[in-house]
PDB file of N, CA and C in Angstrom:
ATOM      1  N   MET A   1       0.930  -1.190  -0.145  1.00  0.00           N
ATOM      2  CA  MET A   1       0.210  -0.032  -0.117  1.00  0.00           C
ATOM      3  C   MET A   1       1.291   1.548   0.051  1.00  0.00           C
ATOM      4  N   GLY A   2       2.317   1.081   0.335  1.00  0.00           N
ATOM      5  CA  GLY A   2       2.914   2.439   0.267  1.00  0.00           C
ATOM      6  C   GLY A   2       2.959   3.290   1.532  1.00  0.00           C
ATOM      7  N   VAL A   3       1.913   3.205   2.475  1.00  0.00           N
ATOM      8  CA  VAL A   3       1.577   3.635   3.319  1.00  0.00           C
ATOM      9  C   VAL A   3       3.012   3.671   4.529  1.00  0.00           C
ATOM     10  N   ASP A   4       4.110   2.665   4.984  1.00  0.00           N
ATOM     11  CA  ASP A   4       5.004   3.402   5.132  1.00  0.00           C
ATOM     12  C   ASP A   4       6.099   4.411   4.784  1.00  0.00           C
ATOM     13  N   GLU A   5       5.792   4.681   3.425  1.00  0.00           N
ATOM     14  CA  GLU A   5       7.008   5.731   2.883  1.00  0.00           C
ATOM     15  C   GLU A   5       6.269   6.971   3.048  1.00  0.00           C
ATOM     16  N   GLN A   6       5.458   7.939   3.786  1.00  0.00           N
ATOM     17  CA  GLN A   6       4.542   8.831   3.605  1.00  0.00           C
ATOM     18  C   GLN A   6       5.609  10.040   4.494  1.00  0.00           C
ATOM     19  N   THR A   7       5.699  11.294   4.002  1.00  0.00           N
ATOM     20  CA  THR A   7       6.669  12.122   4.898  1.00  0.00           C
ATOM     21  C   THR A   7       5.398  13.432   5.582  1.00  0.00           C
ATOM     22  N   VAL A   8       6.123  13.697   6.929  1.00  0.00           N
ATOM     23  CA  VAL A   8       5.389  14.715   7.461  1.00  0.00           C
ATOM     24  C   VAL A   8       6.220  15.163   8.849  1.00  0.00           C
ATOM     25  N   ASP A   9       6.251  16.405   9.120  1.00  0.00           N
ATOM     26  CA  ASP A   9       6.898  17.010   9.957  1.00  0.00           C
ATOM     27  C   ASP A   9       6.976  16.246  11.086  1.00  0.00           C
ATOM     28  N   GLN A  10       7.820  15.973  12.202  1.00  0.00           N
ATOM     29  CA  GLN A  10       8.126  14.924  13.088  1.00  0.00           C
ATOM     30  C   GLN A  10       7.257  16.238  14.330  1.00  0.00           C
ATOM     31  N   ALA A  11       7.338  17.490  14.315  1.00  0.00           N
ATOM     32  CA  ALA A  11       6.671  18.204  15.331  1.00  0.00           C
ATOM     33  C   ALA A  11       5.230  17.866  15.688  1.00  0.00           C
ATOM     34  N   ALA A  12       4.803  17.209  14.738  1.00  0.00           N
ATOM     35  CA  ALA A  12       2.990  16.448  14.688  1.00  0.00           C
ATOM     36  C   ALA A  12       2.563  15.737  15.645  1.00  0.00           C
ATOM     37  N   LYS A  13       3.600  15.064  16.134  1.00  0.00           N
ATOM     38  CA  LYS A  13       3.269  13.991  17.271  1.00  0.00           C
ATOM     39  C   LYS A  13       3.401  14.631  18.462  1.00  0.00           C
ATOM     40  N   ALA A  14       2.403  14.866  19.471  1.00  0.00           N
ATOM     41  CA  ALA A  14       2.225  15.392  20.324  1.00  0.00           C
ATOM     42  C   ALA A  14       1.519  14.397  21.296  1.00  0.00           C
ATOM     43  N   ALA A  15       1.504  14.749  22.393  1.00  0.00           N
ATOM     44  CA  ALA A  15       1.201  14.094  23.920  1.00  0.00           C
ATOM     45  C   ALA A  15      -0.396  13.162  23.272  1.00  0.00           C
ATOM     46  N   PRO A  16      -0.953  12.141  23.604  1.00  0.00           N
ATOM     47  CA  PRO A  16      -2.264  12.038  23.428  1.00  0.00           C
ATOM     48  C   PRO A  16      -3.375  12.803  24.527  1.00  0.00           C
ATOM     49  N   ALA A  17      -4.290  13.356  24.242  1.00  0.00           N
ATOM     50  CA  ALA A  17      -5.599  13.803  24.986  1.00  0.00           C
ATOM     51  C   ALA A  17      -6.405  12.631  26.049  1.00  0.00           C
ATOM     52  N   PRO A  18      -6.395  12.642  27.141  1.00  0.00           N
ATOM     53  CA  PRO A  18      -6.830  11.052  27.779  1.00  0.00           C
ATOM     54  C   PRO A  18      -7.881  10.847  27.326  1.00  0.00           C
ATOM     55  N   GLU A  19      -8.797  11.329  26.480  1.00  0.00           N
ATOM     56  CA  GLU A  19      -9.728  10.323  25.294  1.00  0.00           C
ATOM     57  C   GLU A  19      -8.776   9.816  24.399  1.00  0.00           C
ATOM     58  N   GLU A  20      -7.832   9.786  24.017  1.00  0.00           N
ATOM     59  CA  GLU A  20      -6.978   9.316  22.815  1.00  0.00           C
ATOM     60  C   GLU A  20      -6.499   8.056  23.571  1.00  0.00           C
ATOM     61  N   ALA A  21      -6.072   7.776  24.434  1.00  0.00           N
ATOM     62  CA  ALA A  21      -5.577   6.819  25.181  1.00  0.00           C
ATOM     63  C   ALA A  21      -6.351   5.616  25.639  1.00  0.00           C
ATOM     64  N   THR A  22      -7.167   4.795  25.381  1.00  0.00           N
ATOM     65  CA  THR A  22      -8.039   4.227  26.496  1.00  0.00           C
ATOM     66  C   THR A  22      -7.440   2.703  26.824  1.00  0.00           C
ATOM     67  N   THR A  23      -7.871   2.534  27.819  1.00  0.00           N
ATOM     68  CA  THR A  23      -7.722   0.804  27.842  1.00  0.00           C
ATOM     69  C   THR A  23      -8.653   0.353  27.811  1.00  0.00           C
ATOM     70  N   THR A  24      -8.907  -0.825  26.831  1.00  0.00           N
ATOM     71  CA  THR A  24     -10.030  -1.761  27.085  1.00  0.00           C
ATOM     72  C   THR A  24      -9.254  -3.128  26.947  1.00  0.00           C
ATOM     73  N   THR A  25      -9.446  -4.412  26.832  1.00  0.00           N
ATOM     74  CA  THR A  25      -9.251  -5.595  26.595  1.00  0.00           C
ATOM     75  C   THR A  25      -9.676  -6.138  25.791  1.00  0.00           C
ATOM     76  N   THR A  26      -9.224  -7.737  25.172  1.00  0.00           N
ATOM     77  CA  THR A  26      -9.764  -8.559  24.646  1.00  0.00           C
ATOM     78  C   THR A  26      -9.255  -9.489  24.885  1.00  0.00           C
ATOM     79  N   ALA A  27      -9.748 -10.551  24.762  1.00  0.00           N
ATOM     80  CA  ALA A  27      -9.167 -12.361  25.475  1.00  0.00           C
ATOM     81  C   ALA A  27      -7.462 -12.449  25.618  1.00  0.00           C
ATOM     82  N   ALA A  28      -6.961 -11.980  24.264  1.00  0.00           N
ATOM     83  CA  ALA A  28      -5.732 -12.193  24.468  1.00  0.00           C
ATOM     84  C   ALA A  28      -4.597 -11.242  25.113  1.00  0.00           C
ATOM     85  N   GLU A  29      -5.061  -9.912  25.940  1.00  0.00           N
ATOM     86  CA  GLU A  29      -4.417  -9.163  26.108  1.00  0.00           C
ATOM     87  C   GLU A  29      -4.829  -8.409  27.873  1.00  0.00           C
ATOM     88  N   PRO A  30      -3.799  -8.555  28.418  1.00  0.00           N
ATOM     89  CA  PRO A  30      -4.027  -7.854  29.776  1.00  0.00           C
ATOM     90  C   PRO A  30      -5.224  -6.761  30.209  1.00  0.00           C
ATOM     91  N   ALA A  31      -6.016  -6.964  31.398  1.00  0.00           N
ATOM     92  CA  ALA A  31      -6.565  -6.121  31.688  1.00  0.00           C
ATOM     93  C   ALA A  31      -5.889  -4.179  31.445  1.00  0.00           C
ATOM     94  N   SER A  32      -4.831  -4.619  31.492  1.00  0.00           N
ATOM     95  CA  SER A  32      -4.130  -2.817  31.919  1.00  0.00           C
ATOM     96  C   SER A  32      -3.572  -2.650  30.402  1.00  0.00           C
ATOM     97  N   ALA A  33      -3.842  -3.262  29.433  1.00  0.00           N
ATOM     98  CA  ALA A  33      -3.279  -2.979  27.821  1.00  0.00           C
ATOM     99  C   ALA A  33      -3.880  -1.138  27.612  1.00  0.00           C
ATOM    100  N   THR A  34      -3.277  -0.565  27.584  1.00  0.00           N
ATOM    101  CA  THR A  34      -3.740   0.689  26.920  1.00  0.00           C
ATOM    102  C   THR A  34      -3.516   0.463  25.666  1.00  0.00           C
ATOM    103  N   ARG A  35      -4.354   0.963  24.774  1.00  0.00           N
ATOM    104  CA  ARG A  35      -4.724   1.015  23.150  1.00  0.00           C
ATOM    105  C   ARG A  35      -4.337   2.753  23.140  1.00  0.00           C
ATOM    106  N   TYR A  36      -3.368   2.314  21.541  1.00  0.00           N
ATOM    107  CA  TYR A  36      -3.162   3.966  21.061  1.00  0.00           C
ATOM    108  C   TYR A  36      -3.520   4.208  19.897  1.00  0.00           C
ATOM    109  N   PRO A  37      -4.028   4.964  19.275  1.00  0.00           N
ATOM    110  CA  PRO A  37      -4.575   5.467  18.051  1.00  0.00           C
ATOM    111  C   PRO A  37      -3.559   6.025  16.976  1.00  0.00           C
ATOM    112  N   ILE A  38      -4.139   4.985  15.936  1.00  0.00           N
ATOM    113  CA  ILE A  38      -3.235   5.019  14.779  1.00  0.00           C
ATOM    114  C   ILE A  38      -3.571   6.691  14.599  1.00  0.00           C
ATOM    115  N   ALA A  39      -2.872   7.437  13.236  1.00  0.00           N
ATOM    116  CA  ALA A  39      -2.647   8.405  12.671  1.00  0.00           C
ATOM    117  C   ALA A  39      -3.885   8.446  11.702  1.00  0.00           C
ATOM    118  N   PRO A  40      -4.757   9.390  12.228  1.00  0.00           N
ATOM    119  CA  PRO A  40      -6.544   9.600  11.505  1.00  0.00           C
ATOM    120  C   PRO A  40      -5.860  10.140  10.120  1.00  0.00           C
ATOM    121  N   GLY A  41      -6.980   8.627   9.361  1.00  0.00           N
ATOM    122  CA  GLY A  41      -6.774   8.788   7.952  1.00  0.00           C
ATOM    123  C   GLY A  41      -5.715   7.819   7.554  1.00  0.00           C
ATOM    124  N   TYR A  42      -4.827   7.099   8.123  1.00  0.00           N
ATOM    125  CA  TYR A  42      -4.268   6.094   7.543  1.00  0.00           C
ATOM    126  C   TYR A  42      -4.741   4.206   8.405  1.00  0.00           C
ATOM    127  N   ARG A  43      -4.551   3.552   6.953  1.00  0.00           N
ATOM    128  CA  ARG A  43      -4.650   2.233   6.738  1.00  0.00           C
ATOM    129  C   ARG A  43      -3.308   2.004   7.151  1.00  0.00           C
ATOM    130  N   VAL A  44      -2.747   1.096   8.215  1.00  0.00           N
ATOM    131  CA  VAL A  44      -1.147   0.953   8.006  1.00  0.00           C
ATOM    132  C   VAL A  44      -1.133  -0.862   7.985  1.00  0.00           C
ATOM    133  N   ASN A  45      -0.031  -1.201   7.517  1.00  0.00           N
ATOM    134  CA  ASN A  45       0.028  -2.179   7.126  1.00  0.00           C
ATOM    135  C   ASN A  45       1.097  -3.160   8.268  1.00  0.00           C
ATOM    136  N   VAL A  46       0.752  -4.111   8.934  1.00  0.00           N
ATOM    137  CA  VAL A  46       1.205  -4.686   9.708  1.00  0.00           C
ATOM    138  C   VAL A  46       2.063  -5.501   9.421  1.00  0.00           C
ATOM    139  N   ARG A  47       3.409  -5.729   9.977  1.00  0.00           N
ATOM    140  CA  ARG A  47       4.345  -6.752   9.197  1.00  0.00           C
ATOM    141  C   ARG A  47       4.894  -7.829  10.410  1.00  0.00           C
ATOM    142  N   THR A  48       5.577  -8.496   9.468  1.00  0.00           N
ATOM    143  CA  THR A  48       6.335  -9.533  10.612  1.00  0.00           C
ATOM    144  C   THR A  48       7.398  -9.545  11.008  1.00  0.00           C
ATOM    145  N   GLY A  49       8.089  -8.199  11.312  1.00  0.00           N
ATOM    146  CA  GLY A  49       9.032  -7.601  11.907  1.00  0.00           C
ATOM    147  C   GLY A  49       9.313  -6.463  11.721  1.00  0.00           C
ATOM    148  N   PRO A  50      10.455  -5.930  12.119  1.00  0.00           N
ATOM    149  CA  PRO A  50      10.536  -4.028  11.778  1.00  0.00           C
ATOM    150  C   PRO A  50      11.331  -3.452  10.782  1.00  0.00           C
ATOM    151  N   GLY A  51      10.225  -3.543   9.801  1.00  0.00           N
ATOM    152  CA  GLY A  51      10.811  -3.349   8.969  1.00  0.00           C
ATOM    153  C   GLY A  51       9.837  -3.088   7.353  1.00  0.00           C
ATOM    154  N   THR A  52      10.269  -2.679   6.287  1.00  0.00           N
ATOM    155  CA  THR A  52       8.800  -2.371   5.125  1.00  0.00           C
ATOM    156  C   THR A  52       9.669  -3.894   4.051  1.00  0.00           C
ATOM    157  N   SER A  53      10.810  -4.403   4.468  1.00  0.00           N
ATOM    158  CA  SER A  53      11.160  -5.771   3.728  1.00  0.00           C
ATOM    159  C   SER A  53      10.148  -6.860   4.366  1.00  0.00           C
ATOM    160  N   TYR A  54       9.799  -6.649   5.223  1.00  0.00           N
ATOM    161  CA  TYR A  54       9.052  -8.323   6.296  1.00  0.00           C
ATOM    162  C   TYR A  54       7.378  -8.266   5.498  1.00  0.00           C
ATOM    163  N   ARG A  55       6.830  -9.010   5.702  1.00  0.00           N
ATOM    164  CA  ARG A  55       5.415  -9.768   4.745  1.00  0.00           C
ATOM    165  C   ARG A  55       4.577  -9.170   5.765  1.00  0.00           C
ATOM    166  N   ILE A  56       4.085  -8.468   5.014  1.00  0.00           N
ATOM    167  CA  ILE A  56       2.382  -7.650   5.378  1.00  0.00           C
ATOM    168  C   ILE A  56       1.873  -8.789   5.920  1.00  0.00           C
ATOM    169  N   VAL A  57       0.878  -8.552   7.289  1.00  0.00           N
ATOM    170  CA  VAL A  57       0.292  -9.735   7.428  1.00  0.00           C
ATOM    171  C   VAL A  57      -1.368  -9.504   7.783  1.00  0.00           C
ATOM    172  N   ARG A  58      -1.307  -8.041   7.680  1.00  0.00           N
ATOM    173  CA  ARG A  58      -2.973  -7.471   7.784  1.00  0.00           C
ATOM    174  C   ARG A  58      -2.629  -5.958   7.412  1.00  0.00           C
ATOM    175  N   THR A  59      -3.940  -4.807   7.380  1.00  0.00           N
ATOM    176  CA  THR A  59      -3.738  -3.458   7.408  1.00  0.00           C
ATOM    177  C   THR A  59      -4.583  -3.578   8.419  1.00  0.00           C
ATOM    178  N   LEU A  60      -4.305  -2.624   9.404  1.00  0.00           N
ATOM    179  CA  LEU A  60      -5.218  -1.929  10.282  1.00  0.00           C
ATOM    180  C   LEU A  60      -6.243  -1.024   9.473  1.00  0.00           C
ATOM    181  N   PRO A  61      -7.297  -0.740   9.950  1.00  0.00           N
ATOM    182  CA  PRO A  61      -8.745   0.108   9.051  1.00  0.00           C
ATOM    183  C   PRO A  61      -8.206   1.321   9.878  1.00  0.00           C
ATOM    184  N   LEU A  62      -8.882   2.476   8.970  1.00  0.00           N
ATOM    185  CA  LEU A  62      -9.166   3.613   9.493  1.00  0.00           C
ATOM    186  C   LEU A  62      -9.488   3.651  10.938  1.00  0.00           C
ATOM    187  N   GLY A  63      -9.026   4.537  11.963  1.00  0.00           N
ATOM    188  CA  GLY A  63      -9.514   4.672  13.437  1.00  0.00           C
ATOM    189  C   GLY A  63      -8.926   3.478  14.301  1.00  0.00           C
ATOM    190  N   SER A  64      -7.986   2.646  13.941  1.00  0.00           N
ATOM    191  CA  SER A  64      -7.707   1.608  14.848  1.00  0.00           C
ATOM    192  C   SER A  64      -6.986   2.555  16.033  1.00  0.00           C
ATOM    193  N   ARG A  65      -7.231   1.493  17.033  1.00  0.00           N
ATOM    194  CA  ARG A  65      -6.481   1.563  18.076  1.00  0.00           C
ATOM    195  C   ARG A  65      -5.552   0.290  18.572  1.00  0.00           C
ATOM    196  N   VAL A  66      -4.157   0.864  19.017  1.00  0.00           N
ATOM    197  CA  VAL A  66      -3.532  -0.824  19.239  1.00  0.00           C
ATOM    198  C   VAL A  66      -2.803  -1.093  20.556  1.00  0.00           C
ATOM    199  N   PRO A  67      -2.811  -1.883  21.060  1.00  0.00           N
ATOM    200  CA  PRO A  67      -1.896  -1.797  22.239  1.00  0.00           C
ATOM    201  C   PRO A  67      -0.183  -2.097  21.959  1.00  0.00           C
ATOM    202  N   ILE A  68       0.666  -1.951  23.062  1.00  0.00           N
ATOM    203  CA  ILE A  68       1.743  -1.793  22.022  1.00  0.00           C
ATOM    204  C   ILE A  68       2.665  -2.737  23.625  1.00  0.00           C
ATOM    205  N   TYR A  69       2.781  -3.872  23.109  1.00  0.00           N
ATOM    206  CA  TYR A  69       3.509  -4.965  23.857  1.00  0.00           C
ATOM    207  C   TYR A  69       4.745  -4.980  24.212  1.00  0.00           C
ATOM    208  N   CYS A  70       5.995  -4.322  23.101  1.00  0.00           N
ATOM    209  CA  CYS A  70       7.294  -4.005  23.316  1.00  0.00           C
ATOM    210  C   CYS A  70       7.801  -3.069  22.279  1.00  0.00           C
ATOM    211  N   GLN A  71       8.983  -2.819  22.142  1.00  0.00           N
ATOM    212  CA  GLN A  71       9.328  -2.076  20.981  1.00  0.00           C
ATOM    213  C   GLN A  71      10.773  -2.286  20.366  1.00  0.00           C
ATOM    214  N   LYS A  72      10.847  -2.333  19.446  1.00  0.00           N
ATOM    215  CA  LYS A  72      12.398  -2.656  18.817  1.00  0.00           C
ATOM    216  C   LYS A  72      12.565  -1.887  17.664  1.00  0.00           C
ATOM    217  N   PRO A  73      14.098  -1.691  17.306  1.00  0.00           N
ATOM    218  CA  PRO A  73      14.704  -0.745  16.320  1.00  0.00           C
ATOM    219  C   PRO A  73      14.336  -1.608  15.037  1.00  0.00           C
ATOM    220  N   GLY A  74      14.461  -1.037  14.193  1.00  0.00           N
ATOM    221  CA  GLY A  74      14.463  -1.737  12.815  1.00  0.00           C
ATOM    222  C   GLY A  74      14.371  -0.747  11.637  1.00  0.00           C
ATOM    223  N   GLU A  75      14.007  -0.501  10.473  1.00  0.00           N
ATOM    224  CA  GLU A  75      14.227  -0.057   9.676  1.00  0.00           C
ATOM    225  C   GLU A  75      13.852   1.427   9.805  1.00  0.00           C
ATOM    226  N   ARG A  76      14.338   2.555   9.478  1.00  0.00           N
ATOM    227  CA  ARG A  76      13.951   3.852   9.389  1.00  0.00           C
ATOM    228  C   ARG A  76      13.181   4.096   8.659  1.00  0.00           C
ATOM    229  N   VAL A  77      11.533   4.928   9.090  1.00  0.00           N
ATOM    230  CA  VAL A  77      10.456   4.792   8.356  1.00  0.00           C
ATOM    231  C   VAL A  77       9.991   6.264   9.011  1.00  0.00           C
ATOM    232  N   THR A  78       9.417   6.858   7.950  1.00  0.00           N
ATOM    233  CA  THR A  78       9.115   8.236   8.026  1.00  0.00           C
ATOM    234  C   THR A  78       7.626   8.059   7.482  1.00  0.00           C
ATOM    235  N   GLY A  79       6.745   9.278   8.768  1.00  0.00           N
ATOM    236  CA  GLY A  79       5.136   8.667   9.036  1.00  0.00           C
ATOM    237  C   GLY A  79       4.524  10.018   9.073  1.00  0.00           C
ATOM    238  N   PRO A  80       3.284   9.787   9.909  1.00  0.00           N
ATOM    239  CA  PRO A  80       2.776  10.947   9.406  1.00  0.00           C
ATOM    240  C   PRO A  80       3.165  12.076  11.312  1.00  0.00           C
ATOM    241  N   TYR A  81       3.980  11.167  12.105  1.00  0.00           N
ATOM    242  CA  TYR A  81       4.566  11.443  13.582  1.00  0.00           C
ATOM    243  C   TYR A  81       5.998  11.826  12.858  1.00  0.00           C
ATOM    244  N   GLY A  82       6.506  11.787  12.372  1.00  0.00           N
ATOM    245  CA  GLY A  82       8.257  12.159  11.971  1.00  0.00           C
ATOM    246  C   GLY A  82       8.938  10.642  11.348  1.00  0.00           C
ATOM    247  N   THR A  83       9.911  10.536  11.993  1.00  0.00           N
ATOM    248  CA  THR A  83      11.048   9.731  10.890  1.00  0.00           C
ATOM    249  C   THR A  83      11.429   9.313  12.320  1.00  0.00           C
ATOM    250  N   SER A  84      11.805   7.605  12.537  1.00  0.00           N
ATOM    251  CA  SER A  84      11.797   7.032  13.302  1.00  0.00           C
ATOM    252  C   SER A  84      12.411   5.367  13.014  1.00  0.00           C
ATOM    253  N   ASN A  85      13.084   5.005  13.750  1.00  0.00           N
ATOM    254  CA  ASN A  85      13.559   3.626  13.270  1.00  0.00           C
ATOM    255  C   ASN A  85      12.909   2.575  14.665  1.00  0.00           C
ATOM    256  N   LEU A  86      12.375   3.342  15.210  1.00  0.00           N
ATOM    257  CA  LEU A  86      11.608   2.350  16.490  1.00  0.00           C
ATOM    258  C   LEU A  86       9.886   1.745  15.812  1.00  0.00           C
ATOM    259  N   TRP A  87      10.138   0.336  15.766  1.00  0.00           N
ATOM    260  CA  TRP A  87       8.957  -0.564  16.029  1.00  0.00           C
ATOM    261  C   TRP A  87       7.970  -1.038  16.935  1.00  0.00           C
ATOM    262  N   CYS A  88       6.376  -0.685  16.714  1.00  0.00           N
ATOM    263  CA  CYS A  88       6.376  -1.674  17.797  1.00  0.00           C
ATOM    264  C   CYS A  88       5.349  -2.907  17.627  1.00  0.00           C
ATOM    265  N   ASN A  89       5.254  -3.670  18.961  1.00  0.00           N
ATOM    266  CA  ASN A  89       5.046  -5.299  18.775  1.00  0.00           C
ATOM    267  C   ASN A  89       3.216  -4.813  19.133  1.00  0.00           C
ATOM    268  N   ILE A  90       2.463  -5.453  18.632  1.00  0.00           N
ATOM    269  CA  ILE A  90       1.142  -5.010  18.689  1.00  0.00           C
ATOM    270  C   ILE A  90       0.130  -6.426  18.794  1.00  0.00           C
ATOM    271  N   ALA A  91       1.159  -7.714  18.040  1.00  0.00           N
ATOM    272  CA  ALA A  91       0.467  -8.998  18.563  1.00  0.00           C
ATOM    273  C   ALA A  91       1.920  -9.373  18.241  1.00  0.00           C
ATOM    274  N   ASN A  92       1.243 -10.781  18.711  1.00  0.00           N
ATOM    275  CA  ASN A  92       2.318 -11.921  18.350  1.00  0.00           C
ATOM    276  C   ASN A  92       2.902 -11.870  17.091  1.00  0.00           C
ATOM    277  N   GLY A  93       4.120 -11.464  16.978  1.00  0.00           N
ATOM    278  CA  GLY A  93       4.720 -11.779  15.472  1.00  0.00           C
ATOM    279  C   GLY A  93       4.036 -10.315  14.780  1.00  0.00           C
ATOM    280  N   GLN A  94       3.774  -9.430  15.105  1.00  0.00           N
ATOM    281  CA  GLN A  94       2.934  -8.217  14.205  1.00  0.00           C
ATOM    282  C   GLN A  94       3.532  -6.624  14.816  1.00  0.00           C
ATOM    283  N   PHE A  95       4.336  -6.125  13.462  1.00  0.00           N
ATOM    284  CA  PHE A  95       5.063  -4.903  14.007  1.00  0.00           C
ATOM    285  C   PHE A  95       4.527  -3.991  12.826  1.00  0.00           C
ATOM    286  N   ILE A  96       4.407  -2.480  13.620  1.00  0.00           N
ATOM    287  CA  ILE A  96       3.863  -1.360  13.094  1.00  0.00           C
ATOM    288  C   ILE A  96       5.209  -0.318  13.327  1.00  0.00           C
ATOM    289  N   SER A  97       4.961   0.711  12.418  1.00  0.00           N
ATOM    290  CA  SER A  97       6.104   2.015  12.563  1.00  0.00           C
ATOM    291  C   SER A  97       5.310   2.647  13.697  1.00  0.00           C
ATOM    292  N   ASP A  98       6.245   2.835  14.727  1.00  0.00           N
ATOM    293  CA  ASP A  98       5.798   3.911  15.822  1.00  0.00           C
ATOM    294  C   ASP A  98       5.604   5.057  15.170  1.00  0.00           C
ATOM    295  N   THR A  99       6.059   5.504  13.886  1.00  0.00           N
ATOM    296  CA  THR A  99       5.809   6.833  13.293  1.00  0.00           C
ATOM    297  C   THR A  99       4.055   6.736  12.594  1.00  0.00           C
ATOM    298  N   TYR A 100       3.796   6.020  13.327  1.00  0.00           N
ATOM    299  CA  TYR A 100       2.136   5.754  12.778  1.00  0.00           C
ATOM    300  C   TYR A 100       1.516   5.763  13.803  1.00  0.00           C
ATOM    301  N   VAL A 101       1.906   5.768  15.070  1.00  0.00           N
ATOM    302  CA  VAL A 101       0.880   5.707  16.127  1.00  0.00           C
ATOM    303  C   VAL A 101       1.196   6.876  17.453  1.00  0.00           C
ATOM    304  N   LEU A 102      -0.001   7.547  17.585  1.00  0.00           N
ATOM    305  CA  LEU A 102      -0.035   8.522  18.408  1.00  0.00           C
ATOM    306  C   LEU A 102       0.638   8.311  19.953  1.00  0.00           C
ATOM    307  N   THR A 103       1.489   7.896  20.713  1.00  0.00           N
ATOM    308  CA  THR A 103       2.029   7.455  21.704  1.00  0.00           C
ATOM    309  C   THR A 103       2.757   8.917  22.665  1.00  0.00           C
ATOM    310  N   GLY A 104       2.549   9.861  22.016  1.00  0.00           N
ATOM    311  CA  GLY A 104       3.015  11.159  23.280  1.00  0.00           C
ATOM    312  C   GLY A 104       4.405  11.126  23.260  1.00  0.00           C
ATOM    313  N   SER A 105       5.408  10.648  22.351  1.00  0.00           N
ATOM    314  CA  SER A 105       6.802  10.264  22.771  1.00  0.00           C
ATOM    315  C   SER A 105       7.390   9.783  21.529  1.00  0.00           C
ATOM    316  N   ASP A 106       8.708  10.707  21.288  1.00  0.00           N
ATOM    317  CA  ASP A 106       9.381   9.753  20.004  1.00  0.00           C
ATOM    318  C   ASP A 106      10.030   8.867  20.493  1.00  0.00           C
ATOM    319  N   GLY A 107      10.006   8.491  21.853  1.00  0.00           N
ATOM    320  CA  GLY A 107      11.023   7.301  22.560  1.00  0.00           C
ATOM    321  C   GLY A 107      10.320   5.860  22.824  1.00  0.00           C
ATOM    322  N   TYR A 108      10.819   4.930  23.537  1.00  0.00           N
ATOM    323  CA  TYR A 108      10.506   3.644  23.826  1.00  0.00           C
ATOM    324  C   TYR A 108       9.267   4.662  24.879  1.00  0.00           C
ATOM    325  N   ILE A 109       7.880   3.361  24.819  1.00  0.00           N
ATOM    326  CA  ILE A 109       7.124   3.968  25.933  1.00  0.00           C
ATOM    327  C   ILE A 109       6.640   2.612  26.123  1.00  0.00           C
ATOM    328  N   ALA A 110       7.543   1.505  25.810  1.00  0.00           N
ATOM    329  CA  ALA A 110       6.820  -0.168  26.252  1.00  0.00           C
ATOM    330  C   ALA A 110       8.659  -0.460  26.460  1.00  0.00           C
ATOM    331  N   PRO A 111       8.600  -1.513  27.155  1.00  0.00           N
ATOM    332  CA  PRO A 111      10.056  -2.567  27.091  1.00  0.00           C
ATOM    333  C   PRO A 111      10.420  -2.986  25.817  1.00  0.00           C
ATOM    334  N   ARG A 112      11.394  -3.112  25.390  1.00  0.00           N
ATOM    335  CA  ARG A 112      12.534  -3.493  24.612  1.00  0.00           C
ATOM    336  C   ARG A 112      11.797  -5.058  24.284  1.00  0.00           C
ATOM    337  N   CYS A 113      11.836  -5.112  22.768  1.00  0.00           N
ATOM    338  CA  CYS A 113      11.081  -6.591  22.463  1.00  0.00           C
ATOM    339  C   CYS A 113      12.683  -7.413  22.600  1.00  0.00           C
ATOM    340  N   ASP A 114      12.752  -8.847  22.788  1.00  0.00           N
ATOM    341  CA  ASP A 114      13.420  -9.530  22.643  1.00  0.00           C
ATOM    342  C   ASP A 114      14.455  -9.941  21.930  1.00  0.00           C
TER     343      ASP A 114
END
């Protein structure tokens, strides 16, 4: 889809308002899992690893919110919230670029993945 290669100024990544980061659960995640919003207007490719060369396993629909279990460095990508090599693990073996997630930080907000 080419979503991973968009360019926008990094200053656009601001701290989420309380209503933007919500706590919800599914059977597969702990009760305390915070879900972070994906950038408005984007359908984001979910990949098997931290880079655009990894296989796409699904595409997140508009308005998605995701948990972040851990983060790891990978391919440098530019998205609506800047340029970064940080990738977020949102499910077992599923990664998205941090530049598409409104976390309120340009750095780690979760433990590093093993």
